[in-house]
Amino acid sequence: MQWYDGESYQAKYNQIIAAISAAKQQGYTVSLVGESAGASIAMNVFSRDGTLYRFVSLCGVNSWHASISPRILAKSPAFKESLSYLAASQRKAVGRRPKNIISIAALSDSVVSFSKNRIEGVKNKRVFSVGHLTTILLCLSVFSFVVVGQIKRD
């Protein structure tokens, strides 16, 4: 998401919507995968678009109660705004389509703890990995079969 680029939340949101629209116009079924802080905006988009197939959070900030450094929030007003919508988005998405939401976390993550990654009422998985960035990279490469399997499951 390039949270520190100074771009507004709305501009980032609009870019995601445009990418989804382009994929749908080509006939694709679209699922969202949000990692780390990007999981918050992905959840916000997923909650508003009932045509999206699945939402997968990889080591995501899925709790509006997450302890985020004030310095990070000051440097990234768009991320702060994304977090402000997260509670309502999550309630709406989980209330309507809990089986279409999957949260994947590391066994141990010092950046986003399991308690801040876990989403009540949905499938919460842990992969055999330690570390935030390590787990994200593994889930997008070596463990991609886990992510794809969760998206394709019935």
Foldseek 3Di string as FASTA:
>chain_A
DPQLPPDALVVVLVVVVVVVVVCVVVPDQAEAEAEALRLLSSLQNCLVDVSHQAYEYELYQQALPDDDDPVSCVSGVSSVVSSVCRVVSLCSCLVPPQARYEYEYEPEEPPRGPVRRDRPNHHYYYDDDYYRVVRVVCCVPVVVCVVVVSSPDD
